C-alpha atoms as a PDB file:
ATOM      1  CA  MET A   1      -4.927  -4.669   8.518  1.00  0.00           C
ATOM      2  CA  THR A   2      -5.539  -7.282  11.874  1.00  0.00           C
ATOM      3  CA  ALA A   3      -5.187 -10.843  11.787  1.00  0.00           C
ATOM      4  CA  GLN A   4      -8.465 -11.253  12.326  1.00  0.00           C
ATOM      5  CA  ALA A   5      -9.781  -8.975   9.622  1.00  0.00           C
ATOM      6  CA  ARG A   6      -7.543 -10.720   7.142  1.00  0.00           C
ATOM      7  CA  TYR A   7      -8.064 -14.678   7.791  1.00  0.00           C
ATOM      8  CA  ARG A   8     -12.139 -13.110   7.152  1.00  0.00           C
ATOM      9  CA  LEU A   9     -10.893 -11.724   3.266  1.00  0.00           C
ATOM     10  CA  ILE A  10      -9.517 -14.843   2.714  1.00  0.00           C
ATOM     11  CA  ALA A  11     -12.789 -16.275   3.517  1.00  0.00           C
ATOM     12  CA  GLU A  12     -14.767 -14.443   1.920  1.00  0.00           C
ATOM     13  CA  GLU A  13     -12.503 -14.350  -1.368  1.00  0.00           C
ATOM     14  CA  LEU A  14     -12.181 -18.408  -0.933  1.00  0.00           C
ATOM     15  CA  ARG A  15     -15.983 -18.808  -0.665  1.00  0.00           C
ATOM     16  CA  ALA A  16     -16.598 -16.744  -4.090  1.00  0.00           C
ATOM     17  CA  ALA A  17     -14.029 -18.911  -5.972  1.00  0.00           C
ATOM     18  CA  VAL A  18     -16.060 -21.847  -4.437  1.00  0.00           C
ATOM     19  CA  ARG A  19     -19.351 -20.613  -5.358  1.00  0.00           C
ATOM     20  CA  GLN A  20     -18.371 -19.490  -8.928  1.00  0.00           C
ATOM     21  CA  GLY A  21     -16.805 -22.607  -9.658  1.00  0.00           C
ATOM     22  CA  GLU A  22     -13.621 -22.741 -10.081  1.00  0.00           C
ATOM     23  CA  TYR A  23     -13.009 -25.480  -7.634  1.00  0.00           C
ATOM     24  CA  ARG A  24     -15.808 -27.532  -9.266  1.00  0.00           C
ATOM     25  CA  ASP A  25     -17.801 -30.227  -6.994  1.00  0.00           C
ATOM     26  CA  GLY A  26     -15.272 -32.296  -5.136  1.00  0.00           C
ATOM     27  CA  GLY A  27     -12.271 -30.076  -6.107  1.00  0.00           C
ATOM     28  CA  ARG A  28      -9.408 -29.788  -3.605  1.00  0.00           C
ATOM     29  CA  LEU A  29      -8.188 -26.572  -2.376  1.00  0.00           C
ATOM     30  CA  PRO A  30      -4.586 -25.906  -2.054  1.00  0.00           C
ATOM     31  CA  SER A  31      -2.875 -26.354   0.686  1.00  0.00           C
ATOM     32  CA  GLU A  32      -2.791 -24.641   3.758  1.00  0.00           C
ATOM     33  CA  GLU A  33       1.243 -23.963   3.101  1.00  0.00           C
ATOM     34  CA  GLY A  34       0.054 -22.814  -0.497  1.00  0.00           C
ATOM     35  CA  LEU A  35      -2.322 -20.271   0.405  1.00  0.00           C
ATOM     36  CA  ALA A  36      -0.388 -18.901   2.975  1.00  0.00           C
ATOM     37  CA  GLN A  37       2.016 -17.885   0.384  1.00  0.00           C
ATOM     38  CA  GLN A  38      -0.736 -17.058  -2.249  1.00  0.00           C
ATOM     39  CA  TYR A  39      -1.910 -14.469   0.670  1.00  0.00           C
ATOM     40  CA  GLY A  40       1.052 -13.753   2.119  1.00  0.00           C
ATOM     41  CA  VAL A  41      -0.217 -14.901   5.687  1.00  0.00           C
ATOM     42  CA  SER A  42       1.007 -17.412   8.093  1.00  0.00           C
ATOM     43  CA  ARG A  43      -0.156 -20.944   8.137  1.00  0.00           C
ATOM     44  CA  GLY A  44      -2.504 -20.330  11.106  1.00  0.00           C
ATOM     45  CA  THR A  45      -4.307 -17.148   9.798  1.00  0.00           C
ATOM     46  CA  VAL A  46      -5.040 -20.064   6.709  1.00  0.00           C
ATOM     47  CA  ARG A  47      -5.924 -22.681   8.957  1.00  0.00           C
ATOM     48  CA  GLN A  48      -8.755 -19.561  10.739  1.00  0.00           C
ATOM     49  CA  ALA A  49     -10.356 -18.849   7.233  1.00  0.00           C
ATOM     50  CA  LEU A  50     -10.699 -22.527   6.663  1.00  0.00           C
ATOM     51  CA  ALA A  51     -12.259 -23.095  10.049  1.00  0.00           C
ATOM     52  CA  VAL A  52     -14.983 -20.527   9.139  1.00  0.00           C
ATOM     53  CA  LEU A  53     -15.311 -21.907   5.785  1.00  0.00           C
ATOM     54  CA  ARG A  54     -15.992 -25.670   7.154  1.00  0.00           C
ATOM     55  CA  ALA A  55     -18.167 -23.821   9.662  1.00  0.00           C
ATOM     56  CA  GLU A  56     -20.751 -23.362   7.186  1.00  0.00           C
ATOM     57  CA  GLY A  57     -20.613 -26.168   4.508  1.00  0.00           C
ATOM     58  CA  THR A  58     -18.686 -23.932   1.545  1.00  0.00           C
ATOM     59  CA  VAL A  59     -15.670 -27.022   2.155  1.00  0.00           C
ATOM     60  CA  THR A  60     -15.303 -29.856   3.887  1.00  0.00           C
ATOM     61  CA  SER A  61     -11.943 -31.948   5.386  1.00  0.00           C
ATOM     62  CA  ARG A  62     -11.440 -35.360   6.983  1.00  0.00           C
ATOM     63  CA  ARG A  63      -8.151 -36.117   8.891  1.00  0.00           C
ATOM     64  CA  GLY A  64      -4.792 -35.750   7.069  1.00  0.00           C
ATOM     65  CA  THR A  65      -6.710 -34.575   3.569  1.00  0.00           C
ATOM     66  CA  ARG A  66      -6.813 -31.541   1.631  1.00  0.00           C
ATOM     67  CA  ARG A  67      -9.934 -29.340   2.266  1.00  0.00           C
ATOM     68  CA  VAL A  68     -12.521 -30.224  -0.675  1.00  0.00           C
ATOM     69  CA  ALA A  69     -14.877 -27.661  -2.503  1.00  0.00           C
ATOM     70  CA  LEU A  70     -19.040 -28.384  -1.538  1.00  0.00           C
ATOM     71  CA  GLU A  71     -22.042 -27.966  -4.173  1.00  0.00           C
ATOM     72  CA  SER A  72     -24.401 -25.634  -2.685  1.00  0.00           C
ATOM     73  CA  PRO A  73     -24.288 -24.090   0.270  1.00  0.00           C
ATOM     74  CA  PRO A  74     -25.814 -25.107   3.521  1.00  0.00           C
ATOM     75  CA  LEU A  75     -29.598 -25.076   3.763  1.00  0.00           C
ATOM     76  CA  HIS A  76     -28.954 -22.053   7.105  1.00  0.00           C
ATOM     77  CA  ASP A  77     -25.816 -20.022   7.298  1.00  0.00           C
ATOM     78  CA  PHE A  78     -24.292 -21.290  10.089  1.00  0.00           C
ATOM     79  CA  ALA A  79     -23.874 -18.226  12.157  1.00  0.00           C
ATOM     80  CA  GLU A  80     -28.274 -18.408  11.685  1.00  0.00           C
ATOM     81  CA  LEU A  81     -27.821 -21.690  14.236  1.00  0.00           C
ATOM     82  CA  LEU A  82     -25.733 -20.408  16.413  1.00  0.00           C
ATOM     83  CA  SER A  83     -27.691 -16.712  17.353  1.00  0.00           C
ATOM     84  CA  PHE A  84     -31.061 -16.567  18.038  1.00  0.00           C
ATOM     85  CA  SER A  85     -31.083 -12.661  16.692  1.00  0.00           C
ATOM     86  CA  ARG A  86     -29.324 -13.655  13.074  1.00  0.00           C
ATOM     87  CA  TRP A  87     -32.215 -16.658  12.987  1.00  0.00           C
ATOM     88  CA  ALA A  88     -34.618 -13.821  13.437  1.00  0.00           C
ATOM     89  CA  ARG A  89     -33.851 -11.176  11.618  1.00  0.00           C
ATOM     90  CA  SER A  90     -33.033 -13.048   8.541  1.00  0.00           C
ATOM     91  CA  GLN A  91     -36.699 -14.298   9.328  1.00  0.00           C
ATOM     92  CA  GLY A  92     -38.090 -10.776   9.163  1.00  0.00           C
ATOM     93  CA  LEU A  93     -38.368 -10.886  12.462  1.00  0.00           C
ATOM     94  CA  GLU A  94     -37.206  -8.654  15.301  1.00  0.00           C
ATOM     95  CA  PRO A  95     -35.502 -10.457  17.957  1.00  0.00           C
ATOM     96  CA  GLY A  96     -35.709  -9.333  21.804  1.00  0.00           C
ATOM     97  CA  SER A  97     -34.173 -10.027  25.267  1.00  0.00           C
ATOM     98  CA  ARG A  98     -34.819  -9.947  28.424  1.00  0.00           C
ATOM     99  CA  THR A  99     -31.717 -11.181  31.051  1.00  0.00           C
ATOM    100  CA  VAL A 100     -33.771 -13.027  34.090  1.00  0.00           C
ATOM    101  CA  ARG A 101     -30.715 -13.760  35.887  1.00  0.00           C
ATOM    102  CA  GLN A 102     -26.750 -13.993  35.316  1.00  0.00           C
ATOM    103  CA  GLU A 103     -24.073 -15.550  37.413  1.00  0.00           C
ATOM    104  CA  TRP A 104     -20.450 -16.702  38.047  1.00  0.00           C
ATOM    105  CA  HIS A 105     -21.512 -20.487  39.728  1.00  0.00           C
ATOM    106  CA  PRO A 106     -19.611 -24.525  39.929  1.00  0.00           C
ATOM    107  CA  ALA A 107     -19.916 -26.253  37.315  1.00  0.00           C
ATOM    108  CA  GLY A 108     -22.226 -29.070  37.648  1.00  0.00           C
ATOM    109  CA  PRO A 109     -21.651 -32.524  36.350  1.00  0.00           C
ATOM    110  CA  GLU A 110     -23.573 -31.979  32.601  1.00  0.00           C
ATOM    111  CA  GLU A 111     -22.152 -28.256  32.597  1.00  0.00           C
ATOM    112  CA  ALA A 112     -18.367 -29.707  33.556  1.00  0.00           C
ATOM    113  CA  ALA A 113     -18.768 -32.777  31.334  1.00  0.00           C
ATOM    114  CA  GLN A 114     -19.960 -30.464  27.930  1.00  0.00           C
ATOM    115  CA  LEU A 115     -17.870 -27.435  28.645  1.00  0.00           C
ATOM    116  CA  ARG A 116     -14.849 -30.069  29.534  1.00  0.00           C
ATOM    117  CA  LEU A 117     -14.178 -28.588  32.886  1.00  0.00           C
ATOM    118  CA  PRO A 118     -13.487 -29.695  36.233  1.00  0.00           C
ATOM    119  CA  GLN A 119     -16.721 -30.427  38.389  1.00  0.00           C
ATOM    120  CA  GLY A 120     -16.747 -27.459  40.575  1.00  0.00           C
ATOM    121  CA  ALA A 121     -14.799 -25.304  38.371  1.00  0.00           C
ATOM    122  CA  GLN A 122     -16.673 -21.350  38.022  1.00  0.00           C
ATOM    123  CA  LEU A 123     -18.161 -20.613  35.047  1.00  0.00           C
ATOM    124  CA  PHE A 124     -20.695 -18.362  34.288  1.00  0.00           C
ATOM    125  CA  ARG A 125     -24.370 -18.970  33.679  1.00  0.00           C
ATOM    126  CA  VAL A 126     -26.600 -16.670  32.215  1.00  0.00           C
ATOM    127  CA  VAL A 127     -30.732 -17.251  31.517  1.00  0.00           C
ATOM    128  CA  ARG A 128     -32.641 -14.693  29.537  1.00  0.00           C
ATOM    129  CA  LEU A 129     -36.087 -14.572  28.301  1.00  0.00           C
ATOM    130  CA  ARG A 130     -36.066 -14.339  23.887  1.00  0.00           C
ATOM    131  CA  LEU A 131     -38.974 -12.480  22.072  1.00  0.00           C
ATOM    132  CA  LEU A 132     -40.113 -12.229  18.610  1.00  0.00           C
ATOM    133  CA  ASP A 133     -41.869  -9.044  17.842  1.00  0.00           C
ATOM    134  CA  GLY A 134     -42.428  -8.098  21.680  1.00  0.00           C
ATOM    135  CA  ARG A 135     -43.903 -11.690  22.546  1.00  0.00           C
ATOM    136  CA  PRO A 136     -42.062 -14.600  24.559  1.00  0.00           C
ATOM    137  CA  ALA A 137     -40.766 -17.090  22.479  1.00  0.00           C
ATOM    138  CA  MET A 138     -37.699 -18.972  24.244  1.00  0.00           C
ATOM    139  CA  VAL A 139     -36.478 -19.158  27.427  1.00  0.00           C
ATOM    140  CA  GLU A 140     -32.444 -19.984  26.719  1.00  0.00           C
ATOM    141  CA  ARG A 141     -30.040 -21.004  29.666  1.00  0.00           C
ATOM    142  CA  THR A 142     -26.464 -20.631  28.573  1.00  0.00           C
ATOM    143  CA  ALA A 143     -23.130 -21.775  30.663  1.00  0.00           C
ATOM    144  CA  TYR A 144     -19.704 -20.584  29.592  1.00  0.00           C
ATOM    145  CA  PRO A 145     -16.233 -21.491  30.860  1.00  0.00           C
ATOM    146  CA  GLN A 146     -14.281 -18.653  32.901  1.00  0.00           C
ATOM    147  CA  ALA A 147     -12.255 -17.147  30.165  1.00  0.00           C
ATOM    148  CA  VAL A 148     -15.439 -16.647  28.090  1.00  0.00           C
ATOM    149  CA  GLY A 149     -17.252 -15.821  31.104  1.00  0.00           C
ATOM    150  CA  GLU A 150     -15.161 -12.518  31.966  1.00  0.00           C
ATOM    151  CA  LEU A 151     -16.350 -11.427  28.265  1.00  0.00           C
ATOM    152  CA  VAL A 152     -19.676 -11.606  28.701  1.00  0.00           C
ATOM    153  CA  ALA A 153     -20.409 -10.543  32.291  1.00  0.00           C
ATOM    154  CA  PRO A 154     -19.256  -7.185  31.160  1.00  0.00           C
ATOM    155  CA  LEU A 155     -21.902  -6.867  28.528  1.00  0.00           C
ATOM    156  CA  PRO A 156     -25.304  -4.953  29.036  1.00  0.00           C
ATOM    157  CA  ALA A 157     -28.184  -6.757  30.449  1.00  0.00           C
ATOM    158  CA  ASP A 158     -29.807  -5.769  27.150  1.00  0.00           C
ATOM    159  CA  THR A 159     -27.328  -7.161  24.711  1.00  0.00           C
ATOM    160  CA  PHE A 160     -29.490  -8.931  21.874  1.00  0.00           C
ATOM    161  CA  SER A 161     -26.515 -11.337  20.411  1.00  0.00           C
ATOM    162  CA  VAL A 162     -23.678 -12.917  23.154  1.00  0.00           C
ATOM    163  CA  THR A 163     -22.322 -14.378  19.630  1.00  0.00           C
ATOM    164  CA  GLU A 164     -21.270 -11.232  17.702  1.00  0.00           C
ATOM    165  CA  GLN A 165     -20.171  -9.424  20.728  1.00  0.00           C
ATOM    166  CA  LEU A 166     -17.780 -12.393  21.035  1.00  0.00           C
ATOM    167  CA  GLU A 167     -16.616 -12.600  17.328  1.00  0.00           C
ATOM    168  CA  ARG A 168     -16.104  -8.702  17.270  1.00  0.00           C
ATOM    169  CA  VAL A 169     -13.156  -9.529  20.296  1.00  0.00           C
ATOM    170  CA  GLY A 170     -11.823 -12.458  18.781  1.00  0.00           C
ATOM    171  CA  VAL A 171     -13.548 -15.921  19.646  1.00  0.00           C
ATOM    172  CA  LEU A 172     -14.176 -17.294  16.864  1.00  0.00           C
ATOM    173  CA  LEU A 173     -17.284 -19.984  16.920  1.00  0.00           C
ATOM    174  CA  THR A 174     -16.889 -23.071  14.353  1.00  0.00           C
ATOM    175  CA  ASP A 175     -18.624 -26.239  15.234  1.00  0.00           C
ATOM    176  CA  ALA A 176     -21.573 -27.224  16.744  1.00  0.00           C
ATOM    177  CA  ASP A 177     -22.910 -30.359  18.176  1.00  0.00           C
ATOM    178  CA  HIS A 178     -27.213 -30.141  18.656  1.00  0.00           C
ATOM    179  CA  THR A 179     -29.439 -31.986  20.202  1.00  0.00           C
ATOM    180  CA  VAL A 180     -33.141 -31.603  19.482  1.00  0.00           C
ATOM    181  CA  ASP A 181     -36.096 -33.445  21.762  1.00  0.00           C
ATOM    182  CA  LEU A 182     -39.471 -32.494  23.967  1.00  0.00           C
ATOM    183  CA  THR A 183     -39.263 -31.445  27.503  1.00  0.00           C
ATOM    184  CA  VAL A 184     -42.117 -29.999  29.790  1.00  0.00           C
ATOM    185  CA  ALA A 185     -41.945 -26.204  30.947  1.00  0.00           C
ATOM    186  CA  ASP A 186     -40.997 -25.921  34.508  1.00  0.00           C
ATOM    187  CA  PRO A 187     -41.862 -23.242  36.644  1.00  0.00           C
ATOM    188  CA  GLN A 188     -39.611 -20.952  35.726  1.00  0.00           C
ATOM    189  CA  ASP A 189     -40.130 -21.779  31.783  1.00  0.00           C
ATOM    190  CA  ALA A 190     -43.887 -21.854  32.696  1.00  0.00           C
ATOM    191  CA  GLU A 191     -44.068 -18.110  34.120  1.00  0.00           C
ATOM    192  CA  LEU A 192     -41.251 -16.310  31.561  1.00  0.00           C
ATOM    193  CA  LEU A 193     -43.035 -17.970  28.863  1.00  0.00           C
ATOM    194  CA  GLY A 194     -46.729 -17.973  29.832  1.00  0.00           C
ATOM    195  CA  CYS A 195     -47.451 -21.185  29.817  1.00  0.00           C
ATOM    196  CA  ALA A 196     -48.785 -23.914  31.945  1.00  0.00           C
ATOM    197  CA  PRO A 197     -46.106 -26.004  34.335  1.00  0.00           C
ATOM    198  CA  GLY A 198     -45.403 -29.086  32.022  1.00  0.00           C
ATOM    199  CA  ALA A 199     -46.406 -28.060  28.752  1.00  0.00           C
ATOM    200  CA  ALA A 200     -44.789 -29.889  26.131  1.00  0.00           C
ATOM    201  CA  LEU A 201     -41.154 -27.602  24.982  1.00  0.00           C
ATOM    202  CA  LEU A 202     -38.772 -27.709  22.155  1.00  0.00           C
ATOM    203  CA  ARG A 203     -35.727 -28.346  23.100  1.00  0.00           C
ATOM    204  CA  GLU A 204     -32.106 -27.956  21.894  1.00  0.00           C
ATOM    205  CA  ARG A 205     -28.860 -28.422  23.520  1.00  0.00           C
ATOM    206  CA  ARG A 206     -25.936 -27.018  22.047  1.00  0.00           C
ATOM    207  CA  ARG A 207     -22.472 -26.800  22.645  1.00  0.00           C
ATOM    208  CA  THR A 208     -19.814 -24.459  20.982  1.00  0.00           C
ATOM    209  CA  THR A 209     -16.426 -24.983  20.322  1.00  0.00           C
ATOM    210  CA  ASP A 210     -13.665 -23.097  18.558  1.00  0.00           C
ATOM    211  CA  PRO A 211     -11.485 -23.688  15.581  1.00  0.00           C
ATOM    212  CA  ALA A 212      -9.252 -25.505  18.257  1.00  0.00           C
ATOM    213  CA  GLY A 213     -11.962 -27.643  19.208  1.00  0.00           C
ATOM    214  CA  ALA A 214     -11.799 -26.126  22.886  1.00  0.00           C
ATOM    215  CA  PRO A 215     -15.718 -25.316  24.117  1.00  0.00           C
ATOM    216  CA  VAL A 216     -16.864 -22.094  24.408  1.00  0.00           C
ATOM    217  CA  GLU A 217     -21.029 -22.587  25.235  1.00  0.00           C
ATOM    218  CA  TRP A 218     -22.852 -24.868  26.264  1.00  0.00           C
ATOM    219  CA  SER A 219     -26.924 -24.140  26.005  1.00  0.00           C
ATOM    220  CA  GLU A 220     -30.188 -25.353  26.643  1.00  0.00           C
ATOM    221  CA  ASP A 221     -32.780 -23.254  24.773  1.00  0.00           C
ATOM    222  CA  ARG A 222     -36.474 -24.235  25.522  1.00  0.00           C
ATOM    223  CA  TYR A 223     -39.199 -22.899  22.686  1.00  0.00           C
ATOM    224  CA  LEU A 224     -42.542 -22.254  22.978  1.00  0.00           C
ATOM    225  CA  PRO A 225     -44.505 -24.296  20.155  1.00  0.00           C
ATOM    226  CA  GLY A 226     -45.162 -22.846  16.525  1.00  0.00           C
ATOM    227  CA  VAL A 227     -41.840 -20.636  17.407  1.00  0.00           C
ATOM    228  CA  MET A 228     -38.994 -22.858  15.807  1.00  0.00           C
ATOM    229  CA  ALA A 229     -38.768 -26.144  13.241  1.00  0.00           C
ATOM    230  CA  PHE A 230     -35.299 -27.471  12.272  1.00  0.00           C
ATOM    231  CA  THR A 231     -34.309 -28.807   8.719  1.00  0.00           C
ATOM    232  CA  VAL A 232     -31.522 -31.191   8.959  1.00  0.00           C
ATOM    233  CA  HIS A 233     -29.625 -31.913   5.395  1.00  0.00           C
ATOM    234  CA  SER A 234     -27.183 -34.690   4.713  1.00  0.00           C
ATOM    235  CA  SER A 235     -25.500 -35.668   2.036  1.00  0.00           C
ATOM    236  CA  ARG A 236     -22.537 -38.085   1.448  1.00  0.00           C
ATOM    237  CA  ALA A 237     -19.534 -35.419   1.808  1.00  0.00           C
ATOM    238  CA  VAL A 238     -21.263 -34.031   5.041  1.00  0.00           C
ATOM    239  CA  PRO A 239     -23.693 -36.197   6.967  1.00  0.00           C
ATOM    240  CA  GLY A 240     -25.801 -33.836   9.007  1.00  0.00           C
ATOM    241  CA  LEU A 241     -28.150 -36.389  10.990  1.00  0.00           C
ATOM    242  CA  GLY A 242     -27.085 -38.375  13.451  1.00  0.00           C
ATOM    243  CA  ARG A 243     -29.175 -41.334  15.342  1.00  0.00           C
ATOM    244  CA  HIS A 244     -29.065 -42.263  19.398  1.00  0.00           C
ATOM    245  CA  SER A 245     -30.980 -42.809  22.522  1.00  0.00           C
ATOM    246  CA  ALA A 246     -32.393 -39.852  23.664  1.00  0.00           C
ATOM    247  CA  ASP A 247     -31.046 -40.385  26.405  1.00  0.00           C
ATOM    248  CA  GLY A 248     -27.550 -39.763  25.237  1.00  0.00           C
ATOM    249  CA  PRO A 249     -25.924 -36.910  25.373  1.00  0.00           C
END
């Protein structure tokens, strides 16, 4: 069994144990060393499994403390928040995609800051029109650092889910920062979505990172009204809502 398959199996077994009440709400999981011995794997493999559980909200942790089991699963699967295709299928809708443009390009100031790259570093940009049941729903603009872009560039233009393809080659997306606000349609949005220039659109900006905290993608998605709504769940264990200026990062 490959290391990639092994950490997924460990994550599945720990998830089942948490949800069956083995650790109870607030119960501490064994240490990384203990889990490594239990499963006969390296601590790196255990960290990957725990990163999956932390990302989906099954466990939480603070620096220097053991992982703690949470009472209930999150409102939405983490993967559905990252992947438009997975979210659409979870709603009983048929996702579609059309690549408008993809190119290598020097990083602009915002892209460089979000992806932690020197300004002007090469990155791979993709603009895609996303469809629901064959109708325009969202314009997706995503930038990938060079190492990830080299994996995305060869994918067929009609690839539904880049996230799923990256997972298949071992690129694990475990954390994401989301900023949701309103914006207005620019000429490209208006042409692709069939709305008037200046029309209000729901905007989600998202930076996704891997288990080591390295940025994997920086994306700006613009939805037609009525397509998407975001629900925020917060608790003392996992604060899910941040308050900041609309002009902030």
